[in-house]
């Protein structure tokens, strides 16, 4: 693929970074668009967006480091290495970081309709993921395991191997493309559901549960061992977090659905 979008004698623009920036901008665009339609103050949404982006970036880096902590302890200079700084980190770390930032933001602005605004974030996140995973495919990160399927991808750019350790010359599952397409479908489904929702919070909860299911099964065709494993390899880090999301989120979804039915 194309890890480097543009190389000049003075600077290099990496494809992943460019796509990640586009993903954040697209998510914010959808969030602002939805907020305007719902009559929610744009300045407040801008403030929330800034908090979420900072929380997501910090959380993604933290979980990435935690899942490989022994390595970072052996090589402490890697905490501030170019590879660590350039890496997008772990999505679920970003999700937890963004959630933490959101909780803090709402605690500081108690007058805002929390569940209503959270619902606006669901499709925005899915849209951002759909775009961001294209960047992963271009960079070669988050690569899949070996496959003989005709739609497998073979990476040949030495930069991909140098930057993220992508195996070259081997046909791999295009798991990044799988997730991009599934997240785009999830975005469409959430937009459709938004016009038919039965209770506040339904969209963000639906996003959390559906993405957790998607991510859990996609992990079986991931090939990058750096994402980390738990319980002697029984689950990857992301699978374990996905299970926690389902265990916590499903009862909340059912409880709020029952409450909305009782009111009607």
C-alpha atoms as a PDB file:
ATOM      1  CA  UNK A   1       0.000   0.000   0.000  1.00  0.00           C
ATOM      2  CA  UNK A   2       1.157   3.586   0.540  1.00  0.00           C
ATOM      3  CA  UNK A   3       2.400   4.366   4.101  1.00  0.00           C
ATOM      4  CA  UNK A   4       3.789   7.703   2.925  1.00  0.00           C
ATOM      5  CA  UNK A   5       1.327   9.991   1.185  1.00  0.00           C
ATOM      6  CA  UNK A   6       3.867  12.663   0.283  1.00  0.00           C
ATOM      7  CA  UNK A   7       7.635  12.842   0.716  1.00  0.00           C
ATOM      8  CA  UNK A   8       9.628  16.043   0.213  1.00  0.00           C
ATOM      9  CA  UNK A   9      13.189  17.025   1.126  1.00  0.00           C
ATOM     10  CA  UNK A  10      11.746  18.910   4.097  1.00  0.00           C
ATOM     11  CA  UNK A  11       8.909  16.797   5.476  1.00  0.00           C
ATOM     12  CA  UNK A  12       6.891  13.603   5.016  1.00  0.00           C
ATOM     13  CA  UNK A  13       3.115  13.319   5.201  1.00  0.00           C
ATOM     14  CA  UNK A  14       2.112   9.840   6.335  1.00  0.00           C
ATOM     15  CA  UNK A  15      -1.074   8.402   4.895  1.00  0.00           C
ATOM     16  CA  UNK A  16      -2.278   7.152   8.260  1.00  0.00           C
ATOM     17  CA  UNK A  17      -1.922  10.564   9.861  1.00  0.00           C
ATOM     18  CA  UNK A  18      -3.735  12.244   6.979  1.00  0.00           C
ATOM     19  CA  UNK A  19      -6.603   9.743   7.100  1.00  0.00           C
ATOM     20  CA  UNK A  20      -6.807  10.010  10.887  1.00  0.00           C
ATOM     21  CA  UNK A  21      -7.121  13.796  10.598  1.00  0.00           C
ATOM     22  CA  UNK A  22      -9.823  13.333   7.951  1.00  0.00           C
ATOM     23  CA  UNK A  23     -11.597  10.842  10.233  1.00  0.00           C
ATOM     24  CA  UNK A  24     -11.683  13.317  13.133  1.00  0.00           C
ATOM     25  CA  UNK A  25     -12.847  16.158  10.890  1.00  0.00           C
ATOM     26  CA  UNK A  26     -15.589  14.008   9.347  1.00  0.00           C
ATOM     27  CA  UNK A  27     -16.807  12.884  12.761  1.00  0.00           C
ATOM     28  CA  UNK A  28     -16.890  16.479  13.996  1.00  0.00           C
ATOM     29  CA  UNK A  29     -18.703  17.588  10.842  1.00  0.00           C
ATOM     30  CA  UNK A  30     -21.422  14.995  11.389  1.00  0.00           C
ATOM     31  CA  UNK A  31     -21.651  15.880  15.077  1.00  0.00           C
ATOM     32  CA  UNK A  32     -22.069  19.602  14.315  1.00  0.00           C
ATOM     33  CA  UNK A  33     -24.604  18.826  11.599  1.00  0.00           C
ATOM     34  CA  UNK A  34     -26.651  16.657  13.938  1.00  0.00           C
ATOM     35  CA  UNK A  35     -26.432  19.173  16.787  1.00  0.00           C
ATOM     36  CA  UNK A  36     -27.689  21.968  14.537  1.00  0.00           C
ATOM     37  CA  UNK A  37     -30.653  19.824  13.509  1.00  0.00           C
ATOM     38  CA  UNK A  38     -31.454  19.142  17.164  1.00  0.00           C
ATOM     39  CA  UNK A  39     -31.073  22.782  18.160  1.00  0.00           C
ATOM     40  CA  UNK A  40     -28.117  22.177  20.470  1.00  0.00           C
ATOM     41  CA  UNK A  41     -25.639  25.006  21.068  1.00  0.00           C
ATOM     42  CA  UNK A  42     -22.709  24.684  18.636  1.00  0.00           C
ATOM     43  CA  UNK A  43     -20.174  26.162  21.052  1.00  0.00           C
ATOM     44  CA  UNK A  44     -20.946  23.509  23.635  1.00  0.00           C
ATOM     45  CA  UNK A  45     -20.618  20.785  21.019  1.00  0.00           C
ATOM     46  CA  UNK A  46     -17.287  22.270  19.910  1.00  0.00           C
ATOM     47  CA  UNK A  47     -16.091  22.124  23.501  1.00  0.00           C
ATOM     48  CA  UNK A  48     -17.222  18.518  23.827  1.00  0.00           C
ATOM     49  CA  UNK A  49     -15.508  17.637  20.537  1.00  0.00           C
ATOM     50  CA  UNK A  50     -12.205  19.070  21.755  1.00  0.00           C
ATOM     51  CA  UNK A  51     -12.424  17.156  25.026  1.00  0.00           C
ATOM     52  CA  UNK A  52     -13.287  13.931  23.197  1.00  0.00           C
ATOM     53  CA  UNK A  53     -10.398  14.244  20.735  1.00  0.00           C
ATOM     54  CA  UNK A  54      -7.859  14.917  23.485  1.00  0.00           C
ATOM     55  CA  UNK A  55      -9.253  12.062  25.582  1.00  0.00           C
ATOM     56  CA  UNK A  56      -9.272   9.686  22.618  1.00  0.00           C
ATOM     57  CA  UNK A  57      -5.669  10.421  21.645  1.00  0.00           C
ATOM     58  CA  UNK A  58      -4.417  10.122  25.225  1.00  0.00           C
ATOM     59  CA  UNK A  59      -6.429   6.964  25.952  1.00  0.00           C
ATOM     60  CA  UNK A  60      -5.299   5.261  22.739  1.00  0.00           C
ATOM     61  CA  UNK A  61      -1.645   5.851  23.608  1.00  0.00           C
ATOM     62  CA  UNK A  62      -2.048   4.770  27.231  1.00  0.00           C
ATOM     63  CA  UNK A  63      -3.702   1.434  26.434  1.00  0.00           C
ATOM     64  CA  UNK A  64      -1.178   0.791  23.648  1.00  0.00           C
ATOM     65  CA  UNK A  65       1.636   1.230  26.177  1.00  0.00           C
ATOM     66  CA  UNK A  66      -0.110  -0.788  28.900  1.00  0.00           C
ATOM     67  CA  UNK A  67      -0.675  -3.803  26.657  1.00  0.00           C
ATOM     68  CA  UNK A  68       3.085  -3.863  25.904  1.00  0.00           C
ATOM     69  CA  UNK A  69       4.291  -2.538  29.254  1.00  0.00           C
ATOM     70  CA  UNK A  70       7.115  -5.103  29.764  1.00  0.00           C
ATOM     71  CA  UNK A  71       8.635  -4.009  26.449  1.00  0.00           C
ATOM     72  CA  UNK A  72       8.401  -0.326  27.349  1.00  0.00           C
ATOM     73  CA  UNK A  73       9.907  -1.006  30.780  1.00  0.00           C
ATOM     74  CA  UNK A  74      12.859  -2.762  29.153  1.00  0.00           C
ATOM     75  CA  UNK A  75      13.265   0.044  26.620  1.00  0.00           C
ATOM     76  CA  UNK A  76      12.088   3.235  28.389  1.00  0.00           C
ATOM     77  CA  UNK A  77      13.276   5.434  25.522  1.00  0.00           C
ATOM     78  CA  UNK A  78      10.435   3.927  23.450  1.00  0.00           C
ATOM     79  CA  UNK A  79       7.916   5.894  25.538  1.00  0.00           C
ATOM     80  CA  UNK A  80       8.904   8.956  23.504  1.00  0.00           C
ATOM     81  CA  UNK A  81      10.113   7.261  20.320  1.00  0.00           C
ATOM     82  CA  UNK A  82       8.969   8.329  16.857  1.00  0.00           C
ATOM     83  CA  UNK A  83       7.134   5.020  16.431  1.00  0.00           C
ATOM     84  CA  UNK A  84       5.114   5.556  19.618  1.00  0.00           C
ATOM     85  CA  UNK A  85       4.315   9.168  18.781  1.00  0.00           C
ATOM     86  CA  UNK A  86       3.285   8.320  15.211  1.00  0.00           C
ATOM     87  CA  UNK A  87       1.166   5.333  16.199  1.00  0.00           C
ATOM     88  CA  UNK A  88      -2.583   5.860  16.423  1.00  0.00           C
ATOM     89  CA  UNK A  89      -2.680   3.596  19.459  1.00  0.00           C
ATOM     90  CA  UNK A  90      -5.450   1.254  20.538  1.00  0.00           C
ATOM     91  CA  UNK A  91      -9.034   2.085  19.486  1.00  0.00           C
ATOM     92  CA  UNK A  92     -10.610   0.853  22.694  1.00  0.00           C
ATOM     93  CA  UNK A  93      -8.085   2.870  24.673  1.00  0.00           C
ATOM     94  CA  UNK A  94      -9.262   5.862  22.667  1.00  0.00           C
ATOM     95  CA  UNK A  95     -12.878   4.893  23.340  1.00  0.00           C
ATOM     96  CA  UNK A  96     -12.264   4.698  27.098  1.00  0.00           C
ATOM     97  CA  UNK A  97     -10.307   7.959  27.027  1.00  0.00           C
ATOM     98  CA  UNK A  98     -13.062   9.699  25.066  1.00  0.00           C
ATOM     99  CA  UNK A  99     -15.702   8.319  27.441  1.00  0.00           C
ATOM    100  CA  UNK A 100     -13.741   9.568  30.455  1.00  0.00           C
ATOM    101  CA  UNK A 101     -13.355  13.006  28.863  1.00  0.00           C
ATOM    102  CA  UNK A 102     -17.082  13.068  28.087  1.00  0.00           C
ATOM    103  CA  UNK A 103     -17.997  12.255  31.689  1.00  0.00           C
ATOM    104  CA  UNK A 104     -15.762  15.082  32.923  1.00  0.00           C
ATOM    105  CA  UNK A 105     -17.225  17.483  30.353  1.00  0.00           C
ATOM    106  CA  UNK A 106     -20.809  16.699  31.339  1.00  0.00           C
ATOM    107  CA  UNK A 107     -19.907  17.014  35.026  1.00  0.00           C
ATOM    108  CA  UNK A 108     -18.761  20.559  34.256  1.00  0.00           C
ATOM    109  CA  UNK A 109     -21.899  21.300  32.194  1.00  0.00           C
ATOM    110  CA  UNK A 110     -24.772  19.712  34.061  1.00  0.00           C
ATOM    111  CA  UNK A 111     -27.389  21.650  32.106  1.00  0.00           C
ATOM    112  CA  UNK A 112     -26.705  19.730  28.876  1.00  0.00           C
ATOM    113  CA  UNK A 113     -28.950  16.810  27.782  1.00  0.00           C
ATOM    114  CA  UNK A 114     -26.355  14.071  28.229  1.00  0.00           C
ATOM    115  CA  UNK A 115     -28.023  11.090  26.618  1.00  0.00           C
ATOM    116  CA  UNK A 116     -29.322  13.171  23.732  1.00  0.00           C
ATOM    117  CA  UNK A 117     -25.870  14.502  22.915  1.00  0.00           C
ATOM    118  CA  UNK A 118     -24.317  11.068  23.399  1.00  0.00           C
ATOM    119  CA  UNK A 119     -26.731   9.738  20.783  1.00  0.00           C
ATOM    120  CA  UNK A 120     -25.379  12.267  18.298  1.00  0.00           C
ATOM    121  CA  UNK A 121     -21.891  10.900  18.879  1.00  0.00           C
ATOM    122  CA  UNK A 122     -22.725   7.311  17.891  1.00  0.00           C
ATOM    123  CA  UNK A 123     -22.962   7.779  14.099  1.00  0.00           C
ATOM    124  CA  UNK A 124     -20.104  10.308  14.184  1.00  0.00           C
ATOM    125  CA  UNK A 125     -17.760   7.787  15.788  1.00  0.00           C
ATOM    126  CA  UNK A 126     -18.713   5.052  13.318  1.00  0.00           C
ATOM    127  CA  UNK A 127     -18.126   7.413  10.379  1.00  0.00           C
ATOM    128  CA  UNK A 128     -14.717   8.378  11.737  1.00  0.00           C
ATOM    129  CA  UNK A 129     -13.768   4.731  12.186  1.00  0.00           C
ATOM    130  CA  UNK A 130     -14.802   3.860   8.629  1.00  0.00           C
ATOM    131  CA  UNK A 131     -12.414   6.524   7.318  1.00  0.00           C
ATOM    132  CA  UNK A 132      -9.653   5.911   9.833  1.00  0.00           C
ATOM    133  CA  UNK A 133      -9.384   2.214   8.983  1.00  0.00           C
ATOM    134  CA  UNK A 134      -8.617   3.144   5.376  1.00  0.00           C
ATOM    135  CA  UNK A 135      -5.548   4.864   6.803  1.00  0.00           C
ATOM    136  CA  UNK A 136      -4.665   1.632   8.619  1.00  0.00           C
ATOM    137  CA  UNK A 137      -4.886  -0.270   5.335  1.00  0.00           C
ATOM    138  CA  UNK A 138      -2.673   2.242   3.561  1.00  0.00           C
ATOM    139  CA  UNK A 139      -0.100   2.181   6.370  1.00  0.00           C
ATOM    140  CA  UNK A 140      -0.177  -1.588   6.835  1.00  0.00           C
ATOM    141  CA  UNK A 141      -0.935  -1.410  10.569  1.00  0.00           C
ATOM    142  CA  UNK A 142      -3.597  -3.521  12.295  1.00  0.00           C
ATOM    143  CA  UNK A 143      -2.943  -6.118   9.600  1.00  0.00           C
ATOM    144  CA  UNK A 144      -4.700  -9.458   9.250  1.00  0.00           C
ATOM    145  CA  UNK A 145      -3.499 -13.024   9.535  1.00  0.00           C
ATOM    146  CA  UNK A 146      -2.327 -15.048   6.557  1.00  0.00           C
ATOM    147  CA  UNK A 147      -4.994 -16.186   4.094  1.00  0.00           C
ATOM    148  CA  UNK A 148      -5.342 -17.894   0.718  1.00  0.00           C
ATOM    149  CA  UNK A 149      -8.569 -16.054  -0.100  1.00  0.00           C
ATOM    150  CA  UNK A 150      -8.484 -14.249  -3.454  1.00  0.00           C
ATOM    151  CA  UNK A 151      -9.185 -10.851  -1.869  1.00  0.00           C
ATOM    152  CA  UNK A 152      -6.212 -11.063   0.448  1.00  0.00           C
ATOM    153  CA  UNK A 153      -3.736  -8.176   0.311  1.00  0.00           C
ATOM    154  CA  UNK A 154       0.036  -8.393   0.006  1.00  0.00           C
ATOM    155  CA  UNK A 155       2.135  -5.565   1.406  1.00  0.00           C
ATOM    156  CA  UNK A 156       5.397  -4.804  -0.366  1.00  0.00           C
ATOM    157  CA  UNK A 157       6.443  -1.352   0.830  1.00  0.00           C
ATOM    158  CA  UNK A 158       9.484  -1.614   3.171  1.00  0.00           C
ATOM    159  CA  UNK A 159       8.214   1.480   5.002  1.00  0.00           C
ATOM    160  CA  UNK A 160       5.226  -0.507   6.294  1.00  0.00           C
ATOM    161  CA  UNK A 161       7.540  -3.159   7.729  1.00  0.00           C
ATOM    162  CA  UNK A 162       9.842  -0.548   9.249  1.00  0.00           C
ATOM    163  CA  UNK A 163       7.112   1.601  10.789  1.00  0.00           C
ATOM    164  CA  UNK A 164       4.617  -0.996  12.103  1.00  0.00           C
ATOM    165  CA  UNK A 165       6.217  -4.384  11.437  1.00  0.00           C
ATOM    166  CA  UNK A 166       3.879  -5.418   8.626  1.00  0.00           C
ATOM    167  CA  UNK A 167       4.943  -8.751   7.064  1.00  0.00           C
ATOM    168  CA  UNK A 168       5.838  -8.273   3.411  1.00  0.00           C
ATOM    169  CA  UNK A 169       5.180 -10.604   0.490  1.00  0.00           C
ATOM    170  CA  UNK A 170       2.503 -12.587   2.344  1.00  0.00           C
ATOM    171  CA  UNK A 171      -1.200 -12.551   1.466  1.00  0.00           C
ATOM    172  CA  UNK A 172      -3.118 -11.294   4.493  1.00  0.00           C
ATOM    173  CA  UNK A 173      -6.753 -10.762   5.428  1.00  0.00           C
ATOM    174  CA  UNK A 174      -7.589  -7.109   4.635  1.00  0.00           C
ATOM    175  CA  UNK A 175      -9.058  -6.805   8.120  1.00  0.00           C
ATOM    176  CA  UNK A 176      -8.735  -3.024   7.970  1.00  0.00           C
ATOM    177  CA  UNK A 177     -11.038  -2.986   4.933  1.00  0.00           C
ATOM    178  CA  UNK A 178     -13.436  -5.398   6.666  1.00  0.00           C
ATOM    179  CA  UNK A 179     -13.765  -3.019   9.599  1.00  0.00           C
ATOM    180  CA  UNK A 180     -14.025   0.054   7.380  1.00  0.00           C
ATOM    181  CA  UNK A 181     -16.955  -1.429   5.454  1.00  0.00           C
ATOM    182  CA  UNK A 182     -18.656  -2.737   8.602  1.00  0.00           C
ATOM    183  CA  UNK A 183     -18.302   0.627  10.338  1.00  0.00           C
ATOM    184  CA  UNK A 184     -19.752   2.379   7.299  1.00  0.00           C
ATOM    185  CA  UNK A 185     -22.732  -0.001   7.436  1.00  0.00           C
ATOM    186  CA  UNK A 186     -22.959   0.633  11.176  1.00  0.00           C
ATOM    187  CA  UNK A 187     -23.007   4.379  10.513  1.00  0.00           C
ATOM    188  CA  UNK A 188     -25.896   3.943   8.050  1.00  0.00           C
ATOM    189  CA  UNK A 189     -27.778   1.707  10.499  1.00  0.00           C
ATOM    190  CA  UNK A 190     -27.374   4.220  13.336  1.00  0.00           C
ATOM    191  CA  UNK A 191     -28.565   7.094  11.148  1.00  0.00           C
ATOM    192  CA  UNK A 192     -31.625   5.027  10.239  1.00  0.00           C
ATOM    193  CA  UNK A 193     -32.211   4.126  13.897  1.00  0.00           C
ATOM    194  CA  UNK A 194     -31.800   7.757  14.966  1.00  0.00           C
ATOM    195  CA  UNK A 195     -35.028   8.631  13.186  1.00  0.00           C
ATOM    196  CA  UNK A 196     -36.880   5.831  14.961  1.00  0.00           C
ATOM    197  CA  UNK A 197     -35.331   5.711  18.414  1.00  0.00           C
ATOM    198  CA  UNK A 198     -37.567   4.966  21.381  1.00  0.00           C
ATOM    199  CA  UNK A 199     -35.473   6.429  24.199  1.00  0.00           C
ATOM    200  CA  UNK A 200     -32.574   8.808  24.762  1.00  0.00           C
ATOM    201  CA  UNK A 201     -29.310   6.908  24.803  1.00  0.00           C
ATOM    202  CA  UNK A 202     -30.496   4.222  22.391  1.00  0.00           C
ATOM    203  CA  UNK A 203     -28.103   5.227  19.596  1.00  0.00           C
ATOM    204  CA  UNK A 204     -24.881   5.428  21.605  1.00  0.00           C
ATOM    205  CA  UNK A 205     -25.744   2.185  23.393  1.00  0.00           C
ATOM    206  CA  UNK A 206     -26.562   0.496  20.084  1.00  0.00           C
ATOM    207  CA  UNK A 207     -23.249   1.705  18.676  1.00  0.00           C
ATOM    208  CA  UNK A 208     -21.308   0.421  21.693  1.00  0.00           C
ATOM    209  CA  UNK A 209     -22.932  -3.022  21.596  1.00  0.00           C
ATOM    210  CA  UNK A 210     -22.832  -3.514  17.824  1.00  0.00           C
ATOM    211  CA  UNK A 211     -19.248  -2.355  17.480  1.00  0.00           C
ATOM    212  CA  UNK A 212     -18.218  -4.604  20.366  1.00  0.00           C
ATOM    213  CA  UNK A 213     -19.683  -7.582  18.491  1.00  0.00           C
ATOM    214  CA  UNK A 214     -17.993  -6.516  15.248  1.00  0.00           C
ATOM    215  CA  UNK A 215     -14.627  -6.032  16.930  1.00  0.00           C
ATOM    216  CA  UNK A 216     -14.821  -9.273  18.910  1.00  0.00           C
ATOM    217  CA  UNK A 217     -15.142 -11.400  15.767  1.00  0.00           C
ATOM    218  CA  UNK A 218     -12.757  -9.347  13.626  1.00  0.00           C
ATOM    219  CA  UNK A 219     -10.025 -10.043  16.155  1.00  0.00           C
ATOM    220  CA  UNK A 220      -9.987 -13.659  14.982  1.00  0.00           C
ATOM    221  CA  UNK A 221      -8.586 -12.576  11.606  1.00  0.00           C
ATOM    222  CA  UNK A 222      -6.112 -10.029  12.996  1.00  0.00           C
ATOM    223  CA  UNK A 223      -2.464 -10.984  12.715  1.00  0.00           C
ATOM    224  CA  UNK A 224      -0.631  -8.281  14.656  1.00  0.00           C
ATOM    225  CA  UNK A 225       0.365  -9.796  17.984  1.00  0.00           C
ATOM    226  CA  UNK A 226       1.316  -6.368  19.356  1.00  0.00           C
ATOM    227  CA  UNK A 227      -2.371  -5.708  20.148  1.00  0.00           C
ATOM    228  CA  UNK A 228      -1.941  -7.882  23.241  1.00  0.00           C
ATOM    229  CA  UNK A 229      -3.577 -10.966  24.709  1.00  0.00           C
ATOM    230  CA  UNK A 230      -5.011 -11.972  28.081  1.00  0.00           C
ATOM    231  CA  UNK A 231      -5.640 -15.236  29.934  1.00  0.00           C
ATOM    232  CA  UNK A 232      -2.873 -17.182  28.161  1.00  0.00           C
ATOM    233  CA  UNK A 233      -4.026 -16.012  24.751  1.00  0.00           C
ATOM    234  CA  UNK A 234      -7.719 -16.812  25.235  1.00  0.00           C
ATOM    235  CA  UNK A 235      -8.760 -13.264  24.333  1.00  0.00           C
ATOM    236  CA  UNK A 236      -7.021 -10.317  22.747  1.00  0.00           C
ATOM    237  CA  UNK A 237      -7.092  -7.090  24.728  1.00  0.00           C
ATOM    238  CA  UNK A 238      -9.790  -5.696  22.437  1.00  0.00           C
ATOM    239  CA  UNK A 239     -11.924  -8.835  22.740  1.00  0.00           C
ATOM    240  CA  UNK A 240     -11.777  -8.601  26.518  1.00  0.00           C
ATOM    241  CA  UNK A 241     -12.772  -4.913  26.453  1.00  0.00           C
ATOM    242  CA  UNK A 242     -15.565  -5.732  23.971  1.00  0.00           C
ATOM    243  CA  UNK A 243     -16.942  -8.340  26.389  1.00  0.00           C
ATOM    244  CA  UNK A 244     -16.893  -5.798  29.226  1.00  0.00           C
ATOM    245  CA  UNK A 245     -18.758  -3.299  27.022  1.00  0.00           C
ATOM    246  CA  UNK A 246     -21.428  -5.910  26.258  1.00  0.00           C
ATOM    247  CA  UNK A 247     -21.772  -7.011  29.893  1.00  0.00           C
ATOM    248  CA  UNK A 248     -22.200  -3.407  31.065  1.00  0.00           C
ATOM    249  CA  UNK A 249     -24.038  -1.964  28.075  1.00  0.00           C
ATOM    250  CA  UNK A 250     -26.653  -4.637  27.418  1.00  0.00           C
ATOM    251  CA  UNK A 251     -28.387  -4.386  30.838  1.00  0.00           C
ATOM    252  CA  UNK A 252     -28.442  -0.581  30.525  1.00  0.00           C
ATOM    253  CA  UNK A 253     -29.968  -0.852  27.048  1.00  0.00           C
ATOM    254  CA  UNK A 254     -32.634  -3.307  28.225  1.00  0.00           C
ATOM    255  CA  UNK A 255     -33.402  -1.252  31.334  1.00  0.00           C
ATOM    256  CA  UNK A 256     -33.870   1.983  29.396  1.00  0.00           C
ATOM    257  CA  UNK A 257     -35.918   0.206  26.725  1.00  0.00           C
ATOM    258  CA  UNK A 258     -38.245  -1.227  29.387  1.00  0.00           C
ATOM    259  CA  UNK A 259     -38.523   2.175  31.060  1.00  0.00           C
ATOM    260  CA  UNK A 260     -39.497   3.815  27.766  1.00  0.00           C
ATOM    261  CA  UNK A 261     -42.080   1.109  27.115  1.00  0.00           C
ATOM    262  CA  UNK A 262     -43.562   1.564  30.587  1.00  0.00           C
ATOM    263  CA  UNK A 263     -43.954   5.307  30.034  1.00  0.00           C
ATOM    264  CA  UNK A 264     -45.797   4.743  26.786  1.00  0.00           C
END
